[in-house]
Protein backbone atom coordinates (compact mmCIF):
# COMPACT_ATOMS: atom_id res chain seq x y z
CA MET A 1 -27.81 0.42 8.17
CA ASN A 2 -29.33 1.84 4.99
CA LEU A 3 -31.11 -1.08 3.33
CA SER A 4 -30.86 0.22 -0.18
CA LYS A 5 -30.99 -1.98 -3.23
CA ALA A 6 -27.18 -2.13 -3.47
CA ASN A 7 -26.79 -3.00 0.22
CA MET A 8 -29.47 -5.67 -0.02
CA LYS A 9 -27.63 -7.19 -2.96
CA LYS A 10 -24.34 -7.23 -1.04
CA LEU A 11 -26.04 -8.74 2.01
CA PHE A 12 -27.66 -11.45 -0.11
CA LEU A 13 -24.35 -12.31 -1.77
CA LEU A 14 -22.63 -12.45 1.63
CA VAL A 15 -25.24 -14.77 3.12
CA ALA A 16 -25.34 -16.97 0.01
CA GLY A 17 -21.54 -17.18 -0.03
CA GLY A 18 -21.52 -18.23 3.63
CA VAL A 19 -24.12 -20.94 3.01
CA VAL A 20 -22.22 -22.30 0.01
CA LEU A 21 -18.91 -22.27 1.90
CA ASN A 22 -20.46 -24.11 4.84
CA ALA A 23 -21.92 -26.74 2.50
CA LEU A 24 -18.54 -27.24 0.82
CA LEU A 25 -16.77 -27.65 4.15
CA GLN A 26 -19.36 -30.20 5.27
CA HIS A 27 -18.85 -32.34 2.13
CA LEU A 28 -15.15 -32.12 1.36
CA ASP A 29 -15.07 -35.70 0.06
CA LEU A 30 -17.71 -34.92 -2.57
CA VAL A 31 -15.89 -31.72 -3.50
CA GLY A 32 -12.65 -33.65 -4.01
CA TYR A 33 -14.38 -36.27 -6.16
CA PHE A 34 -16.08 -33.56 -8.22
CA LEU A 35 -12.76 -31.79 -8.84
CA TYR A 36 -11.17 -35.12 -9.79
CA VAL A 37 -13.90 -35.82 -12.35
CA VAL A 38 -13.74 -32.29 -13.78
CA LEU A 39 -9.96 -32.40 -14.09
CA GLY A 40 -10.20 -35.75 -15.84
CA MET A 41 -12.64 -34.29 -18.34
CA ILE A 42 -10.61 -31.17 -19.14
CA ALA A 43 -7.17 -32.84 -18.93
CA PRO A 44 -6.89 -33.34 -22.74
CA PHE A 45 -7.71 -29.68 -23.31
CA LEU A 46 -5.18 -28.55 -20.70
CA ALA A 47 -2.56 -30.77 -22.34
CA GLY A 48 -3.52 -29.39 -25.75
CA SER A 49 -3.16 -25.84 -24.46
CA ALA A 50 0.31 -26.65 -23.13
CA ILE A 51 1.32 -28.24 -26.46
CA ALA A 52 -0.02 -25.23 -28.36
CA PHE A 53 1.89 -22.83 -26.12
CA ILE A 54 5.16 -24.73 -26.63
CA ILE A 55 4.77 -25.03 -30.41
CA ASN A 56 3.68 -21.40 -30.67
CA VAL A 57 7.12 -20.16 -29.52
CA PRO A 58 9.05 -21.38 -32.61
CA MET A 59 6.03 -20.87 -34.89
CA ARG A 60 5.89 -17.15 -34.08
CA GLN A 61 9.57 -16.75 -34.95
CA ILE A 62 9.15 -18.68 -38.21
CA GLU A 63 6.11 -16.63 -39.17
CA MET A 64 7.91 -13.34 -38.50
CA ARG A 65 10.93 -14.48 -40.56
CA LEU A 66 8.93 -15.80 -43.52
CA PHE A 67 6.28 -13.08 -43.57
CA PRO A 68 7.58 -9.73 -42.26
CA GLU A 69 5.20 -6.80 -41.91
CA LEU A 70 4.18 -5.12 -45.15
CA PRO A 71 4.67 -1.39 -45.76
CA GLU A 72 1.62 0.78 -45.29
CA GLY A 73 -0.74 0.78 -48.23
CA ARG A 74 0.45 -2.51 -49.68
CA LYS A 75 -2.16 -5.26 -49.85
CA PRO A 76 -1.26 -8.82 -48.80
CA GLY A 77 -0.99 -11.39 -51.56
CA ARG A 78 -2.54 -14.82 -51.77
CA LEU A 79 0.50 -16.50 -50.21
CA ARG A 80 0.51 -14.10 -47.26
CA ARG A 81 -3.13 -14.85 -46.52
CA ALA A 82 -2.07 -18.45 -45.87
CA LYS A 83 0.87 -17.50 -43.65
CA ARG A 84 -0.52 -19.24 -40.57
CA PRO A 85 -1.00 -22.69 -42.16
CA ILE A 86 2.38 -22.37 -43.90
CA SER A 87 4.14 -21.43 -40.66
CA PHE A 88 2.38 -24.25 -38.83
CA ILE A 89 3.43 -26.82 -41.45
CA VAL A 90 7.04 -25.57 -41.48
CA THR A 91 7.14 -25.80 -37.68
CA LEU A 92 5.82 -29.37 -37.73
CA VAL A 93 8.38 -30.33 -40.41
CA LEU A 94 11.24 -28.90 -38.32
CA LEU A 95 10.00 -30.64 -35.18
CA GLY A 96 9.62 -33.88 -37.13
CA GLY A 97 13.18 -33.54 -38.42
CA LEU A 98 14.42 -32.98 -34.89
CA LEU A 99 12.60 -36.08 -33.68
CA ALA A 100 14.02 -38.06 -36.61
CA VAL A 101 17.56 -37.00 -35.67
CA ILE A 102 16.89 -38.06 -32.09
CA PHE A 103 15.45 -41.45 -33.05
CA PHE A 104 17.87 -42.41 -35.83
CA LEU A 105 21.14 -40.87 -34.63
CA ILE A 106 21.08 -40.19 -30.91
CA LEU A 107 18.98 -43.09 -29.62
CA PRO A 108 21.13 -45.79 -31.33
CA GLU A 109 24.22 -44.20 -29.80
CA ILE A 110 22.55 -44.19 -26.40
CA GLY A 111 21.61 -47.85 -26.93
CA ARG A 112 25.22 -48.75 -27.74
CA THR A 113 26.33 -46.84 -24.66
CA LEU A 114 23.92 -48.73 -22.44
CA GLN A 115 25.01 -52.05 -23.96
CA SER A 116 28.65 -51.17 -23.36
CA PHE A 117 27.78 -50.17 -19.81
CA VAL A 118 26.02 -53.49 -19.19
CA ASP A 119 28.99 -55.39 -20.64
CA ARG A 120 31.35 -53.57 -18.31
CA ILE A 121 29.35 -54.32 -15.17
CA PRO A 122 30.99 -57.76 -14.53
CA ALA A 123 34.50 -56.29 -14.88
CA PHE A 124 33.51 -53.39 -12.66
CA ALA A 125 32.09 -55.80 -10.08
CA GLN A 126 35.33 -57.83 -10.23
CA GLN A 127 37.41 -54.71 -9.65
CA THR A 128 35.16 -53.73 -6.76
CA GLN A 129 35.53 -57.19 -5.23
CA GLU A 130 39.32 -57.08 -5.55
CA TRP A 131 39.37 -53.65 -3.94
CA ALA A 132 37.18 -54.91 -1.09
CA GLU A 133 39.44 -57.94 -0.55
CA THR A 134 42.49 -55.68 -0.46
CA MET A 135 40.85 -53.43 2.11
CA MET A 136 39.82 -56.43 4.24
CA ALA A 137 43.37 -57.78 4.13
CA GLN A 138 44.66 -54.45 5.41
CA TYR A 139 41.98 -54.19 8.11
CA PRO A 140 41.26 -57.70 9.50
CA GLU A 141 39.15 -56.35 12.35
CA ILE A 142 36.48 -55.40 9.78
CA VAL A 143 36.37 -59.05 8.60
CA ASP A 144 35.87 -60.22 12.18
CA GLU A 145 32.95 -57.86 12.67
CA ILE A 146 31.32 -58.95 9.40
CA SER A 147 31.74 -62.66 10.22
CA ARG A 148 29.77 -62.16 13.43
CA ILE A 149 26.72 -61.03 11.45
CA SER A 150 24.43 -64.01 10.80
CA ILE A 151 22.18 -63.80 7.73
CA ASN A 152 19.56 -66.45 6.94
CA TRP A 153 19.69 -66.44 3.12
CA GLU A 154 17.07 -69.21 2.81
CA GLN A 155 14.53 -67.13 4.72
CA ILE A 156 15.28 -64.10 2.54
CA MET A 157 14.83 -66.10 -0.68
CA GLN A 158 11.58 -67.62 0.60
CA GLY A 159 10.28 -64.15 1.42
CA LEU A 160 11.16 -62.93 -2.07
CA MET A 161 9.36 -65.90 -3.66
CA ASP A 162 6.24 -65.29 -1.55
CA PHE A 163 6.28 -61.62 -2.51
CA ALA A 164 6.58 -62.49 -6.21
CA GLN A 165 3.66 -64.95 -6.04
CA ASN A 166 1.42 -62.45 -4.27
CA SER A 167 2.39 -59.71 -6.72
CA MET A 168 1.55 -61.84 -9.76
CA SER A 169 -2.08 -62.15 -8.71
CA GLY A 170 -2.29 -58.38 -8.31
CA VAL A 171 -0.70 -57.82 -11.71
CA LEU A 172 -3.19 -60.15 -13.41
CA ASN A 173 -6.11 -58.42 -11.72
CA SER A 174 -4.92 -54.96 -12.81
CA THR A 175 -4.20 -55.90 -16.46
CA LEU A 176 -7.65 -54.76 -17.58
CA ASP A 177 -7.25 -51.45 -15.74
CA ILE A 178 -3.86 -50.89 -17.36
CA ALA A 179 -5.25 -51.62 -20.83
CA SER A 180 -8.16 -49.23 -20.34
CA SER A 181 -5.80 -46.55 -19.05
CA ILE A 182 -3.58 -46.94 -22.12
CA ILE A 183 -6.56 -46.65 -24.47
CA GLY A 184 -7.87 -43.64 -22.59
CA GLY A 185 -4.43 -42.03 -22.70
CA MET A 186 -4.18 -42.56 -26.46
CA VAL A 187 -7.62 -41.02 -27.02
CA GLY A 188 -6.74 -38.11 -24.77
CA SER A 189 -3.47 -37.58 -26.64
CA VAL A 190 -5.27 -37.44 -29.99
CA VAL A 191 -7.79 -34.93 -28.60
CA ALA A 192 -4.95 -32.83 -27.13
CA VAL A 193 -3.06 -32.72 -30.45
CA VAL A 194 -6.18 -31.80 -32.44
CA PHE A 195 -7.10 -29.11 -29.91
CA ALA A 196 -3.55 -27.71 -30.02
CA ALA A 197 -3.67 -27.51 -33.82
CA TYR A 198 -7.00 -25.69 -33.72
CA VAL A 199 -5.70 -23.21 -31.13
CA LEU A 200 -2.57 -22.48 -33.16
CA LEU A 201 -4.47 -21.96 -36.41
CA GLN A 202 -7.20 -19.81 -34.83
CA LYS A 203 -5.33 -18.09 -31.98
CA GLU A 204 -6.15 -14.51 -33.09
CA ARG A 205 -9.84 -15.34 -33.35
CA LEU A 206 -9.86 -17.07 -29.97
CA GLY A 207 -8.03 -14.15 -28.39
CA ARG A 208 -10.51 -11.68 -29.87
CA GLN A 209 -13.46 -13.70 -28.58
CA PHE A 210 -11.93 -13.94 -25.11
CA ARG A 211 -11.45 -10.16 -24.98
CA GLN A 212 -15.03 -9.65 -26.12
CA LEU A 213 -16.23 -11.77 -23.20
CA LEU A 214 -14.07 -9.81 -20.75
CA TYR A 215 -15.22 -6.38 -21.85
CA ALA A 216 -18.84 -7.52 -22.18
CA PHE A 217 -19.27 -8.88 -18.65
CA LEU A 218 -16.61 -7.09 -16.55
CA PRO A 219 -15.95 -3.43 -15.77
CA GLU A 220 -13.50 -1.89 -18.19
CA LYS A 221 -10.89 -1.32 -15.48
CA HIS A 222 -10.93 -4.98 -14.41
CA ALA A 223 -10.86 -6.18 -18.03
CA ASP A 224 -7.85 -3.95 -18.74
CA ARG A 225 -6.06 -5.39 -15.72
CA ILE A 226 -6.74 -8.99 -16.81
CA VAL A 227 -5.46 -8.25 -20.32
CA GLU A 228 -2.30 -6.64 -18.92
CA VAL A 229 -1.59 -9.57 -16.59
CA GLY A 230 -2.27 -12.04 -19.41
CA THR A 231 0.10 -10.22 -21.76
CA LEU A 232 2.80 -10.09 -19.08
CA SER A 233 2.33 -13.80 -18.32
CA PHE A 234 2.52 -14.80 -21.98
CA ARG A 235 5.67 -12.74 -22.54
CA THR A 236 7.35 -14.10 -19.40
CA PHE A 237 6.45 -17.77 -20.00
CA SER A 238 7.41 -17.72 -23.68
CA GLY A 239 10.67 -15.90 -22.96
CA PHE A 240 11.57 -18.33 -20.19
CA LEU A 241 10.71 -21.38 -22.31
CA SER A 242 12.73 -20.27 -25.34
CA GLY A 243 15.62 -19.06 -23.20
CA GLN A 244 15.77 -22.22 -21.09
CA CYS A 245 15.74 -24.48 -24.17
CA LEU A 246 18.44 -22.39 -25.88
CA GLU A 247 20.57 -22.41 -22.74
CA ALA A 248 20.25 -26.20 -22.41
CA VAL A 249 21.26 -26.73 -26.06
CA ILE A 250 24.27 -24.42 -25.68
CA LEU A 251 25.39 -26.22 -22.52
CA GLY A 252 25.02 -29.64 -24.19
CA CYS A 253 27.06 -28.50 -27.21
CA MET A 254 29.78 -27.18 -24.91
CA PHE A 255 30.00 -30.54 -23.15
CA PHE A 256 30.04 -32.49 -26.42
CA LEU A 257 32.86 -30.39 -27.90
CA THR A 258 35.05 -30.40 -24.79
CA MET A 259 34.48 -34.09 -24.03
CA SER A 260 35.23 -35.04 -27.65
CA ILE A 261 38.44 -32.97 -27.67
CA LEU A 262 39.59 -34.38 -24.31
CA ARG A 263 38.71 -37.97 -25.35
CA PHE A 264 36.15 -38.66 -22.64
CA PRO A 265 34.03 -41.80 -23.11
CA TYR A 266 30.29 -41.57 -23.80
CA ALA A 267 30.62 -37.96 -25.02
CA LEU A 268 27.41 -37.89 -27.08
CA THR A 269 25.29 -39.76 -24.54
CA ILE A 270 26.37 -37.62 -21.59
CA SER A 271 25.95 -34.41 -23.61
CA VAL A 272 22.39 -35.35 -24.58
CA LEU A 273 21.67 -36.31 -20.98
CA ILE A 274 22.95 -32.96 -19.69
CA THR A 275 20.95 -31.12 -22.38
CA VAL A 276 17.74 -32.80 -21.24
CA THR A 277 18.34 -32.42 -17.52
CA ALA A 278 19.50 -28.80 -17.91
CA LEU A 279 15.90 -27.90 -18.76
CA ILE A 280 15.32 -28.19 -15.01
CA PRO A 281 16.63 -24.91 -13.55
CA ILE A 282 19.55 -24.90 -11.08
CA PHE A 283 19.51 -28.62 -10.15
CA GLY A 284 19.03 -30.26 -13.56
CA ALA A 285 22.61 -30.07 -14.85
CA PHE A 286 23.92 -31.56 -11.60
CA ILE A 287 21.66 -34.59 -12.08
CA GLY A 288 23.22 -35.12 -15.51
CA CYS A 289 26.68 -34.68 -13.99
CA ILE A 290 26.09 -37.41 -11.39
CA ILE A 291 24.80 -39.89 -13.98
CA GLY A 292 27.60 -39.03 -16.43
CA ALA A 293 30.28 -39.39 -13.77
CA PHE A 294 28.91 -42.82 -12.85
CA LEU A 295 29.01 -43.94 -16.50
CA ILE A 296 32.63 -42.80 -16.85
CA LEU A 297 33.49 -44.39 -13.50
CA THR A 298 32.83 -47.86 -14.94
CA VAL A 299 35.47 -47.20 -17.62
CA GLU A 300 38.15 -45.12 -15.90
CA PRO A 301 37.71 -43.82 -12.32
CA MET A 302 40.31 -41.07 -12.78
CA GLN A 303 38.51 -39.71 -15.83
CA ALA A 304 35.32 -39.51 -13.78
CA LEU A 305 37.12 -37.15 -11.40
CA TRP A 306 38.35 -35.01 -14.30
CA PHE A 307 34.82 -34.99 -15.73
CA ILE A 308 33.53 -33.48 -12.48
CA VAL A 309 36.23 -30.79 -12.72
CA LEU A 310 35.23 -30.11 -16.33
CA PHE A 311 31.58 -29.91 -15.32
CA LEU A 312 32.31 -27.34 -12.60
CA ILE A 313 34.29 -25.19 -15.05
CA LEU A 314 31.62 -25.28 -17.77
CA GLN A 315 28.90 -24.72 -15.19
CA GLN A 316 30.64 -21.54 -14.04
CA VAL A 317 30.95 -20.34 -17.63
CA GLU A 318 27.30 -21.11 -18.28
CA GLY A 319 26.06 -19.57 -15.04
CA ASN A 320 28.05 -16.34 -15.27
CA LEU A 321 28.12 -15.66 -19.03
CA ILE A 322 25.37 -17.56 -20.85
CA TYR A 323 22.42 -17.84 -18.44
CA PRO A 324 22.19 -14.13 -17.48
CA HIS A 325 22.07 -13.07 -21.14
CA VAL A 326 19.87 -15.88 -22.49
CA VAL A 327 17.40 -16.56 -19.66
CA GLY A 328 17.97 -13.94 -16.98
CA SER A 329 16.81 -11.00 -19.07
CA SER A 330 13.61 -12.78 -20.09
CA VAL A 331 12.64 -13.78 -16.54
CA GLY A 332 13.69 -10.69 -14.58
CA LEU A 333 13.65 -12.56 -11.25
CA PRO A 334 16.42 -12.25 -8.62
CA SER A 335 18.50 -15.36 -7.98
CA LEU A 336 17.13 -15.81 -4.46
CA TRP A 337 13.55 -15.97 -5.72
CA VAL A 338 14.57 -18.32 -8.55
CA LEU A 339 15.93 -20.76 -5.96
CA ALA A 340 12.77 -20.41 -3.86
CA ALA A 341 10.54 -20.92 -6.91
CA VAL A 342 12.42 -24.06 -7.97
CA THR A 343 12.31 -25.52 -4.45
CA ILE A 344 8.62 -24.82 -3.86
CA GLY A 345 7.60 -25.85 -7.38
CA GLY A 346 9.52 -29.12 -7.12
CA SER A 347 7.91 -29.99 -3.79
CA VAL A 348 4.40 -29.21 -5.09
CA MET A 349 4.42 -30.49 -8.69
CA GLY A 350 7.78 -32.20 -9.22
CA ILE A 351 9.77 -31.45 -12.37
CA VAL A 352 6.83 -29.70 -14.03
CA GLY A 353 6.54 -27.43 -11.01
CA MET A 354 10.21 -26.49 -11.28
CA LEU A 355 9.61 -25.30 -14.83
CA ILE A 356 6.30 -23.53 -14.20
CA PHE A 357 6.98 -21.78 -10.90
CA ILE A 358 9.90 -19.65 -12.14
CA PRO A 359 7.90 -17.66 -14.74
CA LEU A 360 4.87 -17.74 -12.44
CA CYS A 361 6.87 -16.18 -9.61
CA SER A 362 8.37 -13.73 -12.09
CA VAL A 363 4.90 -12.51 -13.04
CA ALA A 364 3.87 -12.21 -9.38
CA TYR A 365 7.15 -10.42 -8.54
CA THR A 366 6.70 -7.92 -11.40
CA ILE A 367 3.08 -7.15 -10.47
CA LEU A 368 3.93 -6.77 -6.77
CA ARG A 369 6.91 -4.53 -7.53
CA HIS A 370 4.73 -2.42 -9.82
CA HIS A 371 2.11 -1.82 -7.11
CA VAL A 372 4.71 -1.23 -4.38
CA LEU A 373 6.36 1.52 -6.43
CA ILE A 374 2.99 3.12 -7.13
CA ARG A 375 2.10 3.07 -3.42
CA LEU A 376 5.43 4.62 -2.48
CA ARG A 377 4.90 7.34 -5.03
CA GLU A 378 1.33 8.08 -3.95
CA ARG A 379 2.40 8.39 -0.31
CA ASN A 380 5.34 10.70 -1.23
CA ILE A 381 7.87 8.54 0.61
CA PRO A 382 11.36 10.14 0.35
CA LYS A 383 13.86 8.08 -1.57
CA GLU A 384 16.32 8.28 1.33
CA LYS A 385 13.97 6.21 3.47
CA ILE A 386 13.91 3.43 0.86
CA LEU A 387 17.60 3.08 0.08
CA PHE A 388 19.63 0.96 2.47
CA PRO A 389 22.42 3.10 4.07
CA ARG A 390 25.95 2.30 2.97
CA LYS A 391 27.56 3.33 6.23
CA LEU A 392 26.14 3.37 9.72
CA SER A 393 27.80 6.74 10.29
CA ASP A 394 25.57 8.24 7.59
CA VAL A 395 22.42 7.46 9.62
CA THR A 396 21.07 9.95 12.14
CA PHE A 397 18.29 8.82 14.48
CA ILE A 398 15.67 11.47 15.18
CA ARG A 399 12.82 10.74 17.58
CA HIS A 400 9.36 11.84 16.53
CA GLY A 401 7.01 10.98 19.33
CA LYS A 402 7.68 7.35 20.30
CA SER A 403 9.03 5.87 17.06
CA PRO A 404 12.56 6.49 15.72
CA VAL A 405 12.79 7.65 12.11
CA VAL A 406 15.87 7.10 9.97
CA ASP A 407 17.10 10.37 8.48
CA ILE A 408 19.93 10.20 5.95
CA PRO A 409 21.51 13.62 5.30
CA SER A 410 21.43 14.35 1.61
CA GLU A 411 21.49 17.43 -0.58
CA ASP A 412 18.86 15.93 -2.87
CA GLU A 413 15.41 15.76 -1.24
CA ALA A 414 13.82 14.00 -4.22
CA VAL A 415 10.74 11.88 -3.72
CA TRP A 416 10.67 8.20 -4.69
CA GLU A 417 9.46 8.00 -8.24
CA CYS A 418 8.45 5.11 -10.46
CA ASP A 419 6.97 4.57 -13.87
CA PRO A 420 3.62 2.73 -13.65
CA ASP A 421 3.85 1.86 -17.34
CA ASN A 422 7.25 0.20 -16.83
CA PRO A 423 6.75 -2.36 -14.04
CA ALA A 424 9.93 -4.21 -15.01
CA GLY A 425 12.03 -1.24 -13.90
CA GLY A 426 15.14 0.09 -15.54
CA ASP A 427 18.01 2.52 -15.11
CA PRO A 428 17.21 4.90 -12.17
CA ALA A 429 18.65 7.90 -14.01
CA GLN A 430 16.60 7.18 -17.10
CA THR A 431 13.54 6.58 -14.93
CA GLU A 432 13.90 9.97 -13.22
CA ARG A 433 14.37 11.78 -16.55
CA GLY A 434 11.35 10.00 -18.00
CA GLU A 435 9.24 10.89 -14.97
CA THR A 436 10.27 14.55 -15.18
CA GLU A 437 9.29 14.74 -18.84
CA GLN A 438 6.01 13.00 -18.09
CA GLU A 439 5.22 15.47 -15.30
CA GLU A 440 5.89 18.41 -17.62
CA THR A 441 3.61 17.04 -20.36
CA GLU A 442 0.77 15.59 -18.31
CA GLY A 443 0.57 18.19 -15.54
CA GLY A 444 -2.07 17.39 -12.99
CA GLU A 445 -2.89 13.94 -14.38
CA GLN A 446 0.19 12.43 -12.75
CA SER A 447 -0.57 13.79 -9.28
CA SER A 448 -3.88 11.95 -9.17
CA GLY A 449 -1.99 8.64 -8.84
CA GLU A 450 -4.42 6.79 -11.09
CA GLU A 451 -3.01 3.77 -12.85
CA LYS A 452 -3.34 3.74 -16.62
CA PRO A 453 -4.23 0.48 -18.37
C-alpha cells in the first residue's frame, strides 16, 4: 500500500470513524438522551420553519399577483421595495379573516350540532333498547344465554372507585409538571412564530447565505447536487401542500352543496369535518364519512345509508376528476407508491407522517428515476429490453452462454434515451425528438454521459 498523504488521511478518517462508532454503540443510552435534549432545544426552530414553509405558499402567490415582474430597464418604485412586508401583512390578514370565519361562524354551528347530538342520545338509547327487546322476544334462546352470565356489579363499582382514588393522587402530583409544560409550550410557540416571521421576511438573504456556505466548503459538483435536490424538494412539497389543501376545500364544498340540496342533517358540520380529514391522503375522507354517518344515524338511520352512497359517488368524482388534476400533477408519484408512503408514514409518525412521506417519496422517486435513466443510457441498453412485452408470442428466447436473453423483434433498434435535465419525464416522442436535437447541437458532449448541474 502506498502510504501517501492522501492515503494516510483516508486511513486516519477510517480508524477515527470506527472508534467513534464503537463508542456510540457502547453508550446508546447517552446518545438517546443527547438527541432528546438537542431536539428539545431546536424544536421551536423546527416548528417555526414548518410554519414559515406553510405561510410561504400563499404569500408567494400574493406577492406575484400584487407585484408582477417589471419590464427590463424600469426601476422599482418605493412601494415595490416594500413588497415583502406588504405581502406578509396581506397574508396574515387573510389568514386572520379565515380564522375569524372559523371561530365566529363554523365553531358555533359545530357547537349547536354537538348539543343537538347530546340531546338526541337518550332518544337514540331508547330506540336501541326497544330494538334489543324486540330481538330478544323473537329469539328467546339469546335471553337464556345472557341470564346465565353472572356479573358482580358491586365489585366492578368498587374497582372503579379504587382506580379513581389512586388516579387522583397521580393527577395532583403531576399538576406542576403540566403547568411547566404549558408555560414551556407557550414560550416555544412564541419563539416559533417570531422565527417564522424572520425567515419569511429574509428568505432570499438566508438562501443566499446557505448557498455561500455550500460552495465555500463543498466541491462544486456536490454543492450543485444539493441545490438541485433542495429545489426539487421545495417545489414538490409546496405543490403537494397547496394541491392537497385545494382538493380538501373542493371536496368539502361539494359535500356542503349536495347535502344542503338533499336536506341532510348536519350539512355544515359534516362538510367541515370532511374538509379537515381530507387533508390526510387516501384514508382521511373515509374517517370523516364514518363520523358523519354516525351523526346522521342518531337522527334518521335510513339517511345515514344514503349519506354513505352519496359519499361513495362524490369520492369517485373527486378521485377520478379532481385529485389527478389538482394534486397528482404536482406530486408525480404513482398510486401504488402513494399508498405505500401513506401507510409507512402513518406507522412511523402518525398523521404528520402521512402528509410528509408522500412528497418525500416523490422526491426520492424522481431522483432514483433520473439516475436509472442515465445509467440505462450510459450502458446503451436497447429500449426493447426495457419495455414489457405485450404478447408472449412476440418474445423470442435466445441463449447466449448460460443465461437466456429476451429478444423482441422490432424494426427500430433505437437505444434507450432519457433527458438528464428532465428527471420528471414526459412524452416519449417529445423526449426522443429533444434528445436528437441535443445530440446534433452538442456533439461529443452527450456521449461522455456526464450529468450537468
